[in-house]
């Protein structure tokens, strides 16, 4: 329940200025029962909410859309780096706003290639290891264990590593997957079991063979 002092302030004009001058933080207002929407209506901007520790994922959970966040000055790149997924961007029609989208290579049946090369021991798969932060040469790829995201980044070459620097491993892999095979399911790039990751690659390779 909102406390009496807070209610008294909200009953006057210049609510935002009074709330700030009285030392009310976003977290205190939220804990007092206020929603993000109510704070925005009181004059708080998304930038102010973020500066006080509110995350993009929390704003999304409160119902904020990509359009609203972009209108507040957020770029698609920043949204991805702060946890917005490529699938969410696709569903809201913002995928083509990603900087450098046209430069992302469209890999030909990436999961079939990855599965074949893992079986042939040309690539080492280890879901607990992202792999090197710089693009390894062709000669040492077989000696470099990488998770699925690491391999997708590597398969995209130097551009893949540029994406990794900009969006992180999972963000870069998600973009490469979306460009190459948007109709296939996408793996959880986190710390899942090794056998799950390998089974996922094998299943997607089978789906590619049927296309």
N, C-alpha and C. Protein backbone atom coordinates (compact mmCIF):
# COMPACT_ATOMS: atom_id res chain seq x y z
N UNK A 1 0.85 -1.20 0.00
CA UNK A 1 0.00 0.00 0.00
C UNK A 1 0.88 1.24 0.00
N UNK A 2 0.47 2.27 -0.73
CA UNK A 2 1.22 3.50 -0.81
C UNK A 2 1.15 4.23 0.53
N UNK A 3 2.31 4.77 1.02
CA UNK A 3 2.30 5.41 2.32
C UNK A 3 1.64 6.79 2.26
N UNK A 4 1.27 7.33 3.43
CA UNK A 4 0.52 8.59 3.50
C UNK A 4 1.30 9.77 2.93
N UNK A 5 2.60 9.81 3.20
CA UNK A 5 3.41 10.92 2.70
C UNK A 5 3.44 10.91 1.19
N UNK A 6 3.56 9.73 0.62
CA UNK A 6 3.57 9.60 -0.83
C UNK A 6 2.24 10.04 -1.41
N UNK A 7 1.14 9.62 -0.80
CA UNK A 7 -0.18 10.01 -1.28
C UNK A 7 -0.37 11.52 -1.20
N UNK A 8 0.16 12.13 -0.14
CA UNK A 8 0.04 13.58 0.01
C UNK A 8 0.77 14.31 -1.11
N UNK A 9 1.95 13.83 -1.43
CA UNK A 9 2.72 14.44 -2.52
C UNK A 9 1.98 14.31 -3.84
N UNK A 10 1.43 13.12 -4.07
CA UNK A 10 0.75 12.86 -5.34
C UNK A 10 -0.55 13.66 -5.47
N UNK A 11 -1.06 14.18 -4.36
CA UNK A 11 -2.29 14.97 -4.40
C UNK A 11 -2.01 16.42 -4.81
N UNK A 12 -0.73 16.78 -4.94
CA UNK A 12 -0.37 18.15 -5.31
C UNK A 12 0.10 18.21 -6.75
N UNK A 13 0.36 19.41 -7.24
CA UNK A 13 0.91 19.60 -8.57
C UNK A 13 2.41 19.32 -8.53
N UNK A 14 3.02 19.23 -9.73
CA UNK A 14 4.46 18.99 -9.85
C UNK A 14 4.87 17.72 -9.09
N UNK A 15 4.13 16.66 -9.33
CA UNK A 15 4.39 15.42 -8.59
C UNK A 15 5.81 14.90 -8.76
N UNK A 16 6.28 14.89 -9.99
CA UNK A 16 7.61 14.35 -10.25
C UNK A 16 8.67 15.10 -9.46
N UNK A 17 8.63 16.45 -9.54
CA UNK A 17 9.62 17.25 -8.85
C UNK A 17 9.55 17.04 -7.33
N UNK A 18 8.34 16.94 -6.80
CA UNK A 18 8.18 16.73 -5.36
C UNK A 18 8.72 15.36 -4.94
N UNK A 19 8.42 14.35 -5.74
CA UNK A 19 8.89 13.01 -5.42
C UNK A 19 10.41 12.96 -5.40
N UNK A 20 11.04 13.60 -6.39
CA UNK A 20 12.50 13.62 -6.46
C UNK A 20 13.08 14.41 -5.30
N UNK A 21 12.49 15.58 -5.02
CA UNK A 21 13.02 16.42 -3.95
C UNK A 21 12.86 15.78 -2.58
N UNK A 22 11.86 14.91 -2.45
CA UNK A 22 11.64 14.22 -1.18
C UNK A 22 12.52 12.97 -1.05
N UNK A 23 13.31 12.72 -2.09
CA UNK A 23 14.24 11.61 -2.01
C UNK A 23 13.67 10.26 -2.38
N UNK A 24 12.53 10.23 -3.04
CA UNK A 24 11.93 8.96 -3.42
C UNK A 24 12.68 8.37 -4.61
N UNK A 25 13.21 7.19 -4.45
CA UNK A 25 13.87 6.48 -5.55
C UNK A 25 12.85 5.62 -6.28
N UNK A 26 13.23 5.18 -7.47
CA UNK A 26 12.34 4.30 -8.23
C UNK A 26 12.04 3.03 -7.43
N UNK A 27 13.08 2.44 -6.84
CA UNK A 27 12.87 1.21 -6.10
C UNK A 27 11.92 1.41 -4.93
N UNK A 28 12.01 2.58 -4.27
CA UNK A 28 11.11 2.85 -3.15
C UNK A 28 9.68 3.02 -3.63
N UNK A 29 9.52 3.69 -4.77
CA UNK A 29 8.18 3.88 -5.33
C UNK A 29 7.59 2.54 -5.76
N UNK A 30 8.42 1.69 -6.39
CA UNK A 30 7.95 0.38 -6.80
C UNK A 30 7.55 -0.45 -5.59
N UNK A 31 8.39 -0.41 -4.55
CA UNK A 31 8.08 -1.19 -3.35
C UNK A 31 6.84 -0.67 -2.64
N UNK A 32 6.49 0.62 -2.91
CA UNK A 32 5.29 1.19 -2.30
C UNK A 32 4.04 0.85 -3.10
N UNK A 33 4.24 0.12 -4.19
CA UNK A 33 3.08 -0.34 -4.94
C UNK A 33 2.89 0.29 -6.31
N UNK A 34 3.83 1.17 -6.70
CA UNK A 34 3.69 1.82 -7.99
C UNK A 34 4.19 0.94 -9.12
N UNK A 35 3.53 1.00 -10.26
CA UNK A 35 3.96 0.27 -11.45
C UNK A 35 4.78 1.21 -12.32
N UNK A 36 5.49 0.62 -13.27
CA UNK A 36 6.26 1.43 -14.22
C UNK A 36 5.35 2.38 -14.98
N UNK A 37 4.20 1.90 -15.40
CA UNK A 37 3.26 2.74 -16.15
C UNK A 37 2.84 3.97 -15.34
N UNK A 38 2.59 3.77 -14.05
CA UNK A 38 2.20 4.89 -13.20
C UNK A 38 3.35 5.89 -13.05
N UNK A 39 4.57 5.38 -12.93
CA UNK A 39 5.72 6.27 -12.81
C UNK A 39 5.91 7.08 -14.09
N UNK A 40 5.75 6.43 -15.23
CA UNK A 40 5.86 7.13 -16.51
C UNK A 40 4.80 8.22 -16.61
N UNK A 41 3.59 7.90 -16.16
CA UNK A 41 2.51 8.90 -16.21
C UNK A 41 2.79 10.08 -15.28
N UNK A 42 3.64 9.85 -14.26
CA UNK A 42 3.99 10.92 -13.33
C UNK A 42 5.17 11.75 -13.86
N UNK A 43 5.68 11.38 -15.05
CA UNK A 43 6.74 12.17 -15.65
C UNK A 43 8.11 11.52 -15.66
N UNK A 44 8.20 10.31 -15.11
CA UNK A 44 9.49 9.62 -15.15
C UNK A 44 9.73 9.08 -16.55
N UNK A 45 10.95 9.24 -17.06
CA UNK A 45 11.30 8.69 -18.37
C UNK A 45 11.93 7.32 -18.19
N UNK A 46 11.97 6.56 -19.29
CA UNK A 46 12.62 5.26 -19.26
C UNK A 46 14.09 5.43 -18.89
N UNK A 47 14.71 6.49 -19.42
CA UNK A 47 16.12 6.75 -19.11
C UNK A 47 16.33 6.94 -17.61
N UNK A 48 15.40 7.66 -16.96
CA UNK A 48 15.50 7.89 -15.53
C UNK A 48 15.34 6.57 -14.77
N UNK A 49 14.39 5.76 -15.21
CA UNK A 49 14.18 4.46 -14.56
C UNK A 49 15.42 3.59 -14.68
N UNK A 50 16.02 3.57 -15.87
CA UNK A 50 17.22 2.78 -16.09
C UNK A 50 18.37 3.30 -15.23
N UNK A 51 18.51 4.63 -15.16
CA UNK A 51 19.61 5.23 -14.39
C UNK A 51 19.52 4.90 -12.91
N UNK A 52 18.31 4.59 -12.45
CA UNK A 52 18.12 4.25 -11.03
C UNK A 52 18.10 2.73 -10.80
N UNK A 53 18.51 2.00 -11.83
CA UNK A 53 18.69 0.57 -11.63
C UNK A 53 17.64 -0.34 -12.22
N UNK A 54 16.60 0.25 -12.83
CA UNK A 54 15.59 -0.59 -13.48
C UNK A 54 16.18 -1.13 -14.77
N UNK A 55 16.05 -2.43 -15.03
CA UNK A 55 16.65 -3.03 -16.21
C UNK A 55 15.67 -3.07 -17.38
N UNK A 56 16.23 -3.24 -18.58
CA UNK A 56 15.39 -3.36 -19.77
C UNK A 56 14.45 -4.56 -19.64
N UNK A 57 14.98 -5.68 -19.11
CA UNK A 57 14.13 -6.88 -18.97
C UNK A 57 12.96 -6.62 -18.02
N UNK A 58 13.19 -5.81 -16.98
CA UNK A 58 12.10 -5.48 -16.07
C UNK A 58 11.08 -4.58 -16.76
N UNK A 59 11.55 -3.67 -17.58
CA UNK A 59 10.63 -2.81 -18.33
C UNK A 59 9.80 -3.64 -19.30
N UNK A 60 10.45 -4.60 -19.93
CA UNK A 60 9.75 -5.49 -20.86
C UNK A 60 8.68 -6.28 -20.10
N UNK A 61 9.05 -6.77 -18.91
CA UNK A 61 8.09 -7.56 -18.12
C UNK A 61 6.90 -6.72 -17.68
N UNK A 62 7.09 -5.39 -17.65
CA UNK A 62 6.00 -4.49 -17.29
C UNK A 62 5.14 -4.12 -18.50
N UNK A 63 5.50 -4.68 -19.65
CA UNK A 63 4.67 -4.46 -20.84
C UNK A 63 5.22 -3.47 -21.84
N UNK A 64 6.45 -2.96 -21.60
CA UNK A 64 7.02 -2.02 -22.55
C UNK A 64 7.44 -2.72 -23.83
N UNK A 65 7.21 -2.08 -24.97
CA UNK A 65 7.54 -2.66 -26.27
C UNK A 65 8.84 -2.07 -26.79
N UNK A 66 9.37 -2.68 -27.83
CA UNK A 66 10.57 -2.16 -28.49
C UNK A 66 10.33 -0.73 -28.96
N UNK A 67 9.15 -0.48 -29.54
CA UNK A 67 8.83 0.85 -30.05
C UNK A 67 8.94 1.91 -28.96
N UNK A 68 8.39 1.61 -27.79
CA UNK A 68 8.42 2.58 -26.69
C UNK A 68 9.84 2.80 -26.20
N UNK A 69 10.62 1.73 -26.12
CA UNK A 69 11.99 1.88 -25.66
C UNK A 69 12.83 2.64 -26.68
N UNK A 70 12.63 2.36 -27.96
CA UNK A 70 13.37 3.08 -29.00
C UNK A 70 12.97 4.56 -29.00
N UNK A 71 11.71 4.84 -28.75
CA UNK A 71 11.27 6.24 -28.70
C UNK A 71 11.93 7.00 -27.56
N UNK A 72 12.42 6.26 -26.56
CA UNK A 72 13.13 6.87 -25.43
C UNK A 72 14.63 6.96 -25.69
N UNK A 73 15.05 6.59 -26.91
CA UNK A 73 16.45 6.75 -27.27
C UNK A 73 17.27 5.47 -27.28
N UNK A 74 16.64 4.34 -27.03
CA UNK A 74 17.38 3.08 -27.03
C UNK A 74 17.56 2.57 -28.46
N UNK A 75 18.76 2.10 -28.79
CA UNK A 75 19.00 1.50 -30.09
C UNK A 75 18.73 0.01 -30.02
N UNK A 76 18.52 -0.61 -31.18
CA UNK A 76 18.32 -2.05 -31.22
C UNK A 76 19.55 -2.76 -30.67
N UNK A 77 20.74 -2.23 -30.98
CA UNK A 77 21.98 -2.84 -30.48
C UNK A 77 21.99 -2.87 -28.96
N UNK A 78 21.59 -1.77 -28.34
CA UNK A 78 21.62 -1.72 -26.89
C UNK A 78 20.57 -2.65 -26.29
N UNK A 79 19.43 -2.74 -26.94
CA UNK A 79 18.39 -3.63 -26.43
C UNK A 79 18.88 -5.07 -26.42
N UNK A 80 19.58 -5.48 -27.48
CA UNK A 80 20.12 -6.84 -27.55
C UNK A 80 21.16 -7.03 -26.45
N UNK A 81 22.06 -6.04 -26.30
CA UNK A 81 23.12 -6.17 -25.30
C UNK A 81 22.56 -6.22 -23.88
N UNK A 82 21.35 -5.69 -23.68
CA UNK A 82 20.76 -5.68 -22.35
C UNK A 82 19.73 -6.79 -22.16
N UNK A 83 19.69 -7.73 -23.11
CA UNK A 83 18.90 -8.92 -22.88
C UNK A 83 17.68 -9.12 -23.76
N UNK A 84 17.36 -8.15 -24.64
CA UNK A 84 16.23 -8.34 -25.54
C UNK A 84 16.63 -9.38 -26.58
N UNK A 85 15.79 -10.34 -26.88
CA UNK A 85 16.15 -11.41 -27.79
C UNK A 85 15.82 -11.06 -29.23
N UNK A 86 16.54 -11.71 -30.15
CA UNK A 86 16.30 -11.51 -31.57
C UNK A 86 14.88 -11.92 -31.94
N UNK A 87 14.39 -13.01 -31.33
CA UNK A 87 13.03 -13.46 -31.64
C UNK A 87 12.00 -12.41 -31.25
N UNK A 88 12.24 -11.71 -30.15
CA UNK A 88 11.33 -10.63 -29.74
C UNK A 88 11.39 -9.48 -30.74
N UNK A 89 12.59 -9.19 -31.24
CA UNK A 89 12.74 -8.12 -32.24
C UNK A 89 12.03 -8.50 -33.54
N UNK A 90 12.14 -9.78 -33.90
CA UNK A 90 11.45 -10.26 -35.11
C UNK A 90 9.94 -10.10 -34.95
N UNK A 91 9.42 -10.52 -33.79
CA UNK A 91 7.98 -10.48 -33.57
C UNK A 91 7.44 -9.06 -33.56
N UNK A 92 8.31 -8.09 -33.22
CA UNK A 92 7.86 -6.70 -33.19
C UNK A 92 8.27 -5.92 -34.44
N UNK A 93 8.88 -6.64 -35.42
CA UNK A 93 9.17 -6.02 -36.71
C UNK A 93 10.39 -5.14 -36.75
N UNK A 94 11.34 -5.32 -35.83
CA UNK A 94 12.50 -4.44 -35.77
C UNK A 94 13.80 -5.10 -36.21
N UNK A 95 13.75 -6.30 -36.76
CA UNK A 95 14.97 -7.00 -37.08
C UNK A 95 15.84 -6.23 -38.06
N UNK A 96 15.24 -5.63 -39.07
CA UNK A 96 16.01 -4.92 -40.08
C UNK A 96 16.62 -3.62 -39.56
N UNK A 97 16.26 -3.22 -38.35
CA UNK A 97 16.86 -2.02 -37.76
C UNK A 97 18.18 -2.33 -37.07
N UNK A 98 18.54 -3.62 -37.01
CA UNK A 98 19.81 -3.98 -36.38
C UNK A 98 20.96 -3.48 -37.25
N UNK A 99 21.88 -2.74 -36.61
CA UNK A 99 22.99 -2.18 -37.34
C UNK A 99 23.84 -3.30 -37.95
N UNK A 100 24.09 -3.21 -39.26
CA UNK A 100 24.91 -4.20 -39.94
C UNK A 100 24.19 -5.48 -40.32
N UNK A 101 22.85 -5.48 -40.26
CA UNK A 101 22.09 -6.70 -40.59
C UNK A 101 22.44 -7.22 -41.98
N UNK A 102 22.59 -6.32 -42.95
CA UNK A 102 22.88 -6.75 -44.32
C UNK A 102 24.25 -7.42 -44.45
N UNK A 103 25.15 -7.14 -43.51
CA UNK A 103 26.49 -7.71 -43.58
C UNK A 103 26.57 -9.10 -42.95
N UNK A 104 25.56 -9.47 -42.19
CA UNK A 104 25.59 -10.78 -41.54
C UNK A 104 25.45 -11.87 -42.61
N UNK A 105 26.39 -12.81 -42.67
CA UNK A 105 26.32 -13.83 -43.72
C UNK A 105 25.17 -14.81 -43.49
N UNK A 106 24.60 -15.26 -44.57
CA UNK A 106 23.57 -16.29 -44.49
C UNK A 106 24.25 -17.63 -44.71
N UNK A 107 24.44 -18.38 -43.62
CA UNK A 107 25.14 -19.65 -43.70
C UNK A 107 24.24 -20.71 -44.33
N UNK A 108 24.81 -21.55 -45.14
CA UNK A 108 24.07 -22.62 -45.81
C UNK A 108 24.02 -23.85 -44.91
N UNK A 109 22.84 -24.19 -44.43
CA UNK A 109 22.63 -25.34 -43.56
C UNK A 109 23.71 -25.43 -42.47
N UNK A 110 23.76 -24.43 -41.61
CA UNK A 110 24.83 -24.37 -40.60
C UNK A 110 24.85 -25.55 -39.63
N UNK A 111 23.68 -26.06 -39.26
CA UNK A 111 23.66 -27.15 -38.29
C UNK A 111 24.10 -28.48 -38.91
N UNK A 112 23.80 -28.66 -40.19
CA UNK A 112 24.28 -29.86 -40.89
C UNK A 112 25.80 -29.84 -40.98
N UNK A 113 26.35 -28.68 -41.32
CA UNK A 113 27.81 -28.53 -41.41
C UNK A 113 28.44 -28.73 -40.04
N UNK A 114 27.85 -28.11 -39.02
CA UNK A 114 28.40 -28.21 -37.68
C UNK A 114 28.37 -29.66 -37.18
N UNK A 115 27.23 -30.34 -37.38
CA UNK A 115 27.11 -31.72 -36.93
C UNK A 115 28.09 -32.63 -37.66
N UNK A 116 28.22 -32.44 -38.97
CA UNK A 116 29.15 -33.26 -39.77
C UNK A 116 30.59 -33.06 -39.29
N UNK A 117 30.96 -31.82 -39.03
CA UNK A 117 32.34 -31.55 -38.64
C UNK A 117 32.63 -31.97 -37.20
N UNK A 118 31.61 -31.96 -36.34
CA UNK A 118 31.79 -32.49 -34.99
C UNK A 118 32.02 -34.00 -35.06
N UNK A 119 31.22 -34.67 -35.88
CA UNK A 119 31.36 -36.12 -36.02
C UNK A 119 32.72 -36.49 -36.62
N UNK A 120 33.21 -35.66 -37.54
CA UNK A 120 34.50 -35.92 -38.18
C UNK A 120 35.68 -35.42 -37.34
N UNK A 121 35.36 -34.84 -36.17
CA UNK A 121 36.37 -34.30 -35.26
C UNK A 121 37.16 -33.14 -35.88
N UNK A 122 36.53 -32.46 -36.85
CA UNK A 122 37.12 -31.23 -37.37
C UNK A 122 36.82 -30.06 -36.43
N UNK A 123 35.74 -30.23 -35.64
CA UNK A 123 35.37 -29.24 -34.63
C UNK A 123 35.16 -29.94 -33.30
N UNK A 124 35.55 -29.25 -32.23
CA UNK A 124 35.31 -29.77 -30.89
C UNK A 124 34.18 -28.98 -30.26
N UNK A 125 33.17 -29.68 -29.76
CA UNK A 125 32.04 -29.00 -29.13
C UNK A 125 32.11 -29.17 -27.62
N UNK A 126 32.02 -28.05 -26.91
CA UNK A 126 31.97 -28.07 -25.45
C UNK A 126 31.05 -26.95 -25.02
N UNK A 127 29.86 -27.29 -24.54
CA UNK A 127 28.86 -26.29 -24.23
C UNK A 127 29.27 -25.37 -23.09
N UNK A 128 30.28 -25.72 -22.34
CA UNK A 128 30.72 -24.88 -21.22
C UNK A 128 31.84 -23.91 -21.61
N UNK A 129 32.20 -23.87 -22.90
CA UNK A 129 33.31 -23.01 -23.35
C UNK A 129 32.88 -22.22 -24.58
N UNK A 130 32.86 -20.88 -24.43
CA UNK A 130 32.48 -20.04 -25.57
C UNK A 130 33.46 -20.19 -26.73
N UNK A 131 34.72 -20.36 -26.39
CA UNK A 131 35.75 -20.38 -27.42
C UNK A 131 36.58 -19.11 -27.36
N UNK A 132 37.53 -18.94 -28.27
CA UNK A 132 38.40 -17.76 -28.24
C UNK A 132 37.65 -16.50 -28.59
N UNK A 133 38.12 -15.37 -28.07
CA UNK A 133 37.45 -14.09 -28.32
C UNK A 133 37.87 -13.47 -29.64
N UNK A 134 38.88 -14.04 -30.29
CA UNK A 134 39.28 -13.58 -31.61
C UNK A 134 39.17 -14.73 -32.60
N UNK A 135 39.05 -14.42 -33.85
CA UNK A 135 38.82 -15.44 -34.87
C UNK A 135 40.06 -16.31 -35.05
N UNK A 136 39.95 -17.61 -34.75
CA UNK A 136 41.10 -18.50 -34.94
C UNK A 136 41.29 -18.82 -36.41
N UNK A 137 42.48 -19.24 -36.77
CA UNK A 137 42.74 -19.61 -38.15
C UNK A 137 42.13 -20.97 -38.44
N UNK A 138 42.02 -21.30 -39.72
CA UNK A 138 41.44 -22.59 -40.11
C UNK A 138 42.26 -23.75 -39.53
N UNK A 139 43.58 -23.55 -39.41
CA UNK A 139 44.46 -24.64 -38.99
C UNK A 139 44.21 -25.09 -37.55
N UNK A 140 43.76 -24.18 -36.69
CA UNK A 140 43.62 -24.58 -35.30
C UNK A 140 42.17 -24.72 -34.85
N UNK A 141 41.23 -24.68 -35.78
CA UNK A 141 39.83 -24.77 -35.40
C UNK A 141 39.55 -26.12 -34.75
N UNK A 142 40.20 -27.19 -35.20
CA UNK A 142 39.93 -28.52 -34.65
C UNK A 142 40.46 -28.67 -33.23
N UNK A 143 41.34 -27.75 -32.80
CA UNK A 143 41.90 -27.81 -31.45
C UNK A 143 41.22 -26.84 -30.49
N UNK A 144 40.14 -26.20 -30.96
CA UNK A 144 39.50 -25.15 -30.18
C UNK A 144 38.09 -25.55 -29.77
N UNK A 145 37.89 -26.02 -28.54
CA UNK A 145 36.53 -26.38 -28.11
C UNK A 145 35.65 -25.14 -27.98
N UNK A 146 34.43 -25.22 -28.47
CA UNK A 146 33.48 -24.11 -28.42
C UNK A 146 32.08 -24.65 -28.21
N UNK A 147 31.23 -23.82 -27.62
CA UNK A 147 29.82 -24.17 -27.49
C UNK A 147 29.13 -23.90 -28.83
N UNK A 148 27.85 -24.15 -28.89
CA UNK A 148 27.11 -23.95 -30.14
C UNK A 148 27.19 -22.50 -30.60
N UNK A 149 27.03 -21.56 -29.67
CA UNK A 149 27.12 -20.14 -30.03
C UNK A 149 28.50 -19.81 -30.56
N UNK A 150 29.54 -20.35 -29.92
CA UNK A 150 30.91 -20.09 -30.37
C UNK A 150 31.14 -20.60 -31.78
N UNK A 151 30.60 -21.78 -32.08
CA UNK A 151 30.77 -22.33 -33.43
C UNK A 151 30.01 -21.51 -34.47
N UNK A 152 28.80 -21.08 -34.15
CA UNK A 152 28.04 -20.26 -35.11
C UNK A 152 28.78 -18.95 -35.40
N UNK A 153 29.32 -18.35 -34.34
CA UNK A 153 30.10 -17.12 -34.53
C UNK A 153 31.31 -17.40 -35.40
N UNK A 154 32.01 -18.50 -35.12
CA UNK A 154 33.19 -18.86 -35.89
C UNK A 154 32.86 -19.13 -37.35
N UNK A 155 31.74 -19.81 -37.58
CA UNK A 155 31.34 -20.14 -38.95
C UNK A 155 31.02 -18.90 -39.77
N UNK A 156 30.68 -17.81 -39.10
CA UNK A 156 30.39 -16.55 -39.80
C UNK A 156 31.65 -15.75 -40.08
N UNK A 157 32.81 -16.26 -39.64
CA UNK A 157 34.08 -15.60 -39.93
C UNK A 157 34.30 -14.32 -39.15
N UNK A 158 35.06 -13.41 -39.73
CA UNK A 158 35.42 -12.18 -39.04
C UNK A 158 34.20 -11.35 -38.67
N UNK A 159 33.17 -11.39 -39.52
CA UNK A 159 31.95 -10.64 -39.21
C UNK A 159 31.28 -11.22 -37.97
N UNK A 160 31.36 -12.54 -37.81
CA UNK A 160 30.81 -13.18 -36.63
C UNK A 160 31.45 -12.66 -35.36
N UNK A 161 32.77 -12.47 -35.40
CA UNK A 161 33.47 -11.97 -34.22
C UNK A 161 33.21 -10.48 -34.00
N UNK A 162 32.95 -9.75 -35.06
CA UNK A 162 32.53 -8.35 -34.90
C UNK A 162 31.19 -8.29 -34.19
N UNK A 163 30.29 -9.19 -34.57
CA UNK A 163 28.98 -9.26 -33.92
C UNK A 163 29.14 -9.64 -32.44
N UNK A 164 30.06 -10.56 -32.18
CA UNK A 164 30.29 -10.99 -30.80
C UNK A 164 30.77 -9.83 -29.92
N UNK A 165 31.64 -9.00 -30.47
CA UNK A 165 32.13 -7.85 -29.72
C UNK A 165 31.01 -6.86 -29.44
N UNK A 166 30.06 -6.79 -30.35
CA UNK A 166 28.98 -5.80 -30.25
C UNK A 166 27.81 -6.31 -29.42
N UNK A 167 27.44 -7.59 -29.60
CA UNK A 167 26.22 -8.12 -28.99
C UNK A 167 26.45 -9.23 -27.97
N UNK A 168 27.70 -9.66 -27.79
CA UNK A 168 27.96 -10.80 -26.92
C UNK A 168 27.80 -12.10 -27.70
N UNK A 169 28.24 -13.20 -27.10
CA UNK A 169 28.19 -14.49 -27.79
C UNK A 169 26.77 -14.92 -28.15
N UNK A 170 25.88 -14.90 -27.17
CA UNK A 170 24.51 -15.36 -27.41
C UNK A 170 23.80 -14.45 -28.40
N UNK A 171 23.99 -13.14 -28.28
CA UNK A 171 23.35 -12.20 -29.20
C UNK A 171 23.84 -12.38 -30.62
N UNK A 172 25.15 -12.55 -30.78
CA UNK A 172 25.73 -12.75 -32.11
C UNK A 172 25.23 -14.05 -32.73
N UNK A 173 25.24 -15.13 -31.95
CA UNK A 173 24.78 -16.42 -32.45
C UNK A 173 23.31 -16.36 -32.84
N UNK A 174 22.53 -15.65 -32.05
CA UNK A 174 21.10 -15.52 -32.32
C UNK A 174 20.86 -14.79 -33.64
N UNK A 175 21.66 -13.76 -33.90
CA UNK A 175 21.54 -13.01 -35.15
C UNK A 175 21.93 -13.87 -36.34
N UNK A 176 23.01 -14.62 -36.19
CA UNK A 176 23.47 -15.50 -37.28
C UNK A 176 22.43 -16.58 -37.56
N UNK A 177 21.87 -17.16 -36.50
CA UNK A 177 20.81 -18.15 -36.65
C UNK A 177 19.60 -17.55 -37.36
N UNK A 178 19.20 -16.35 -36.94
CA UNK A 178 18.03 -15.69 -37.53
C UNK A 178 18.24 -15.38 -39.01
N UNK A 179 19.46 -15.02 -39.38
CA UNK A 179 19.74 -14.70 -40.78
C UNK A 179 19.81 -15.96 -41.63
N UNK A 180 20.34 -17.04 -41.06
CA UNK A 180 20.58 -18.26 -41.84
C UNK A 180 19.41 -19.23 -41.87
N UNK A 181 18.72 -19.38 -40.76
CA UNK A 181 17.65 -20.39 -40.69
C UNK A 181 16.57 -19.95 -39.70
N UNK A 182 15.86 -18.87 -40.00
CA UNK A 182 14.86 -18.34 -39.07
C UNK A 182 13.70 -19.28 -38.79
N UNK A 183 13.52 -20.29 -39.66
CA UNK A 183 12.40 -21.21 -39.48
C UNK A 183 12.75 -22.39 -38.57
N UNK A 184 13.99 -22.49 -38.13
CA UNK A 184 14.40 -23.57 -37.24
C UNK A 184 14.38 -23.11 -35.79
N UNK A 185 14.15 -24.04 -34.85
CA UNK A 185 14.20 -23.66 -33.44
C UNK A 185 15.62 -23.23 -33.07
N UNK A 186 15.72 -22.39 -32.04
CA UNK A 186 17.02 -21.87 -31.62
C UNK A 186 17.39 -22.43 -30.26
N UNK A 187 18.64 -22.78 -30.11
CA UNK A 187 19.11 -23.39 -28.86
C UNK A 187 19.20 -22.35 -27.74
N UNK A 188 19.02 -22.82 -26.53
CA UNK A 188 19.37 -22.04 -25.35
C UNK A 188 20.90 -22.06 -25.28
N UNK A 189 21.53 -20.88 -25.43
CA UNK A 189 22.98 -20.83 -25.48
C UNK A 189 23.63 -20.81 -24.10
N UNK A 190 22.84 -20.96 -23.07
CA UNK A 190 23.38 -20.93 -21.72
C UNK A 190 24.02 -22.24 -21.30
N UNK A 191 24.15 -22.40 -19.99
CA UNK A 191 24.84 -23.56 -19.43
C UNK A 191 23.91 -24.77 -19.37
N UNK A 192 23.58 -25.30 -20.53
CA UNK A 192 22.76 -26.51 -20.57
C UNK A 192 23.69 -27.72 -20.65
N UNK A 193 23.13 -28.90 -20.47
CA UNK A 193 23.94 -30.11 -20.50
C UNK A 193 24.53 -30.34 -21.90
N UNK A 194 25.73 -30.89 -21.92
CA UNK A 194 26.43 -31.15 -23.17
C UNK A 194 25.59 -32.02 -24.11
N UNK A 195 25.00 -33.09 -23.55
CA UNK A 195 24.24 -34.01 -24.41
C UNK A 195 22.99 -33.33 -24.99
N UNK A 196 22.44 -32.37 -24.26
CA UNK A 196 21.29 -31.64 -24.79
C UNK A 196 21.70 -30.80 -25.99
N UNK A 197 22.83 -30.11 -25.85
CA UNK A 197 23.30 -29.25 -26.94
C UNK A 197 23.61 -30.06 -28.19
N UNK A 198 24.26 -31.20 -28.01
CA UNK A 198 24.59 -32.04 -29.16
C UNK A 198 23.33 -32.61 -29.80
N UNK A 199 22.37 -33.00 -28.98
CA UNK A 199 21.10 -33.52 -29.51
C UNK A 199 20.37 -32.44 -30.30
N UNK A 200 20.46 -31.20 -29.82
CA UNK A 200 19.81 -30.09 -30.51
C UNK A 200 20.44 -29.89 -31.88
N UNK A 201 21.76 -29.90 -31.94
CA UNK A 201 22.44 -29.71 -33.23
C UNK A 201 22.06 -30.83 -34.19
N UNK A 202 22.05 -32.06 -33.70
CA UNK A 202 21.70 -33.19 -34.55
C UNK A 202 20.27 -33.08 -35.07
N UNK A 203 19.35 -32.67 -34.21
CA UNK A 203 17.94 -32.52 -34.62
C UNK A 203 17.78 -31.43 -35.67
N UNK A 204 18.47 -30.30 -35.48
CA UNK A 204 18.37 -29.22 -36.46
C UNK A 204 19.02 -29.62 -37.79
N UNK A 205 20.09 -30.42 -37.71
CA UNK A 205 20.71 -30.92 -38.94
C UNK A 205 19.73 -31.81 -39.70
N UNK A 206 18.97 -32.61 -38.96
CA UNK A 206 17.98 -33.48 -39.59
C UNK A 206 16.87 -32.65 -40.22
N UNK A 207 16.45 -31.59 -39.53
CA UNK A 207 15.41 -30.71 -40.09
C UNK A 207 15.92 -30.04 -41.37
N UNK A 208 17.18 -29.64 -41.37
CA UNK A 208 17.75 -29.01 -42.58
C UNK A 208 17.78 -29.98 -43.74
N UNK A 209 18.01 -31.26 -43.47
CA UNK A 209 18.11 -32.26 -44.54
C UNK A 209 16.77 -32.49 -45.22
N UNK A 210 15.69 -32.11 -44.53
CA UNK A 210 14.35 -32.32 -45.07
C UNK A 210 13.84 -31.11 -45.85
N UNK A 211 14.60 -30.05 -45.85
CA UNK A 211 14.16 -28.83 -46.53
C UNK A 211 14.46 -28.88 -48.02
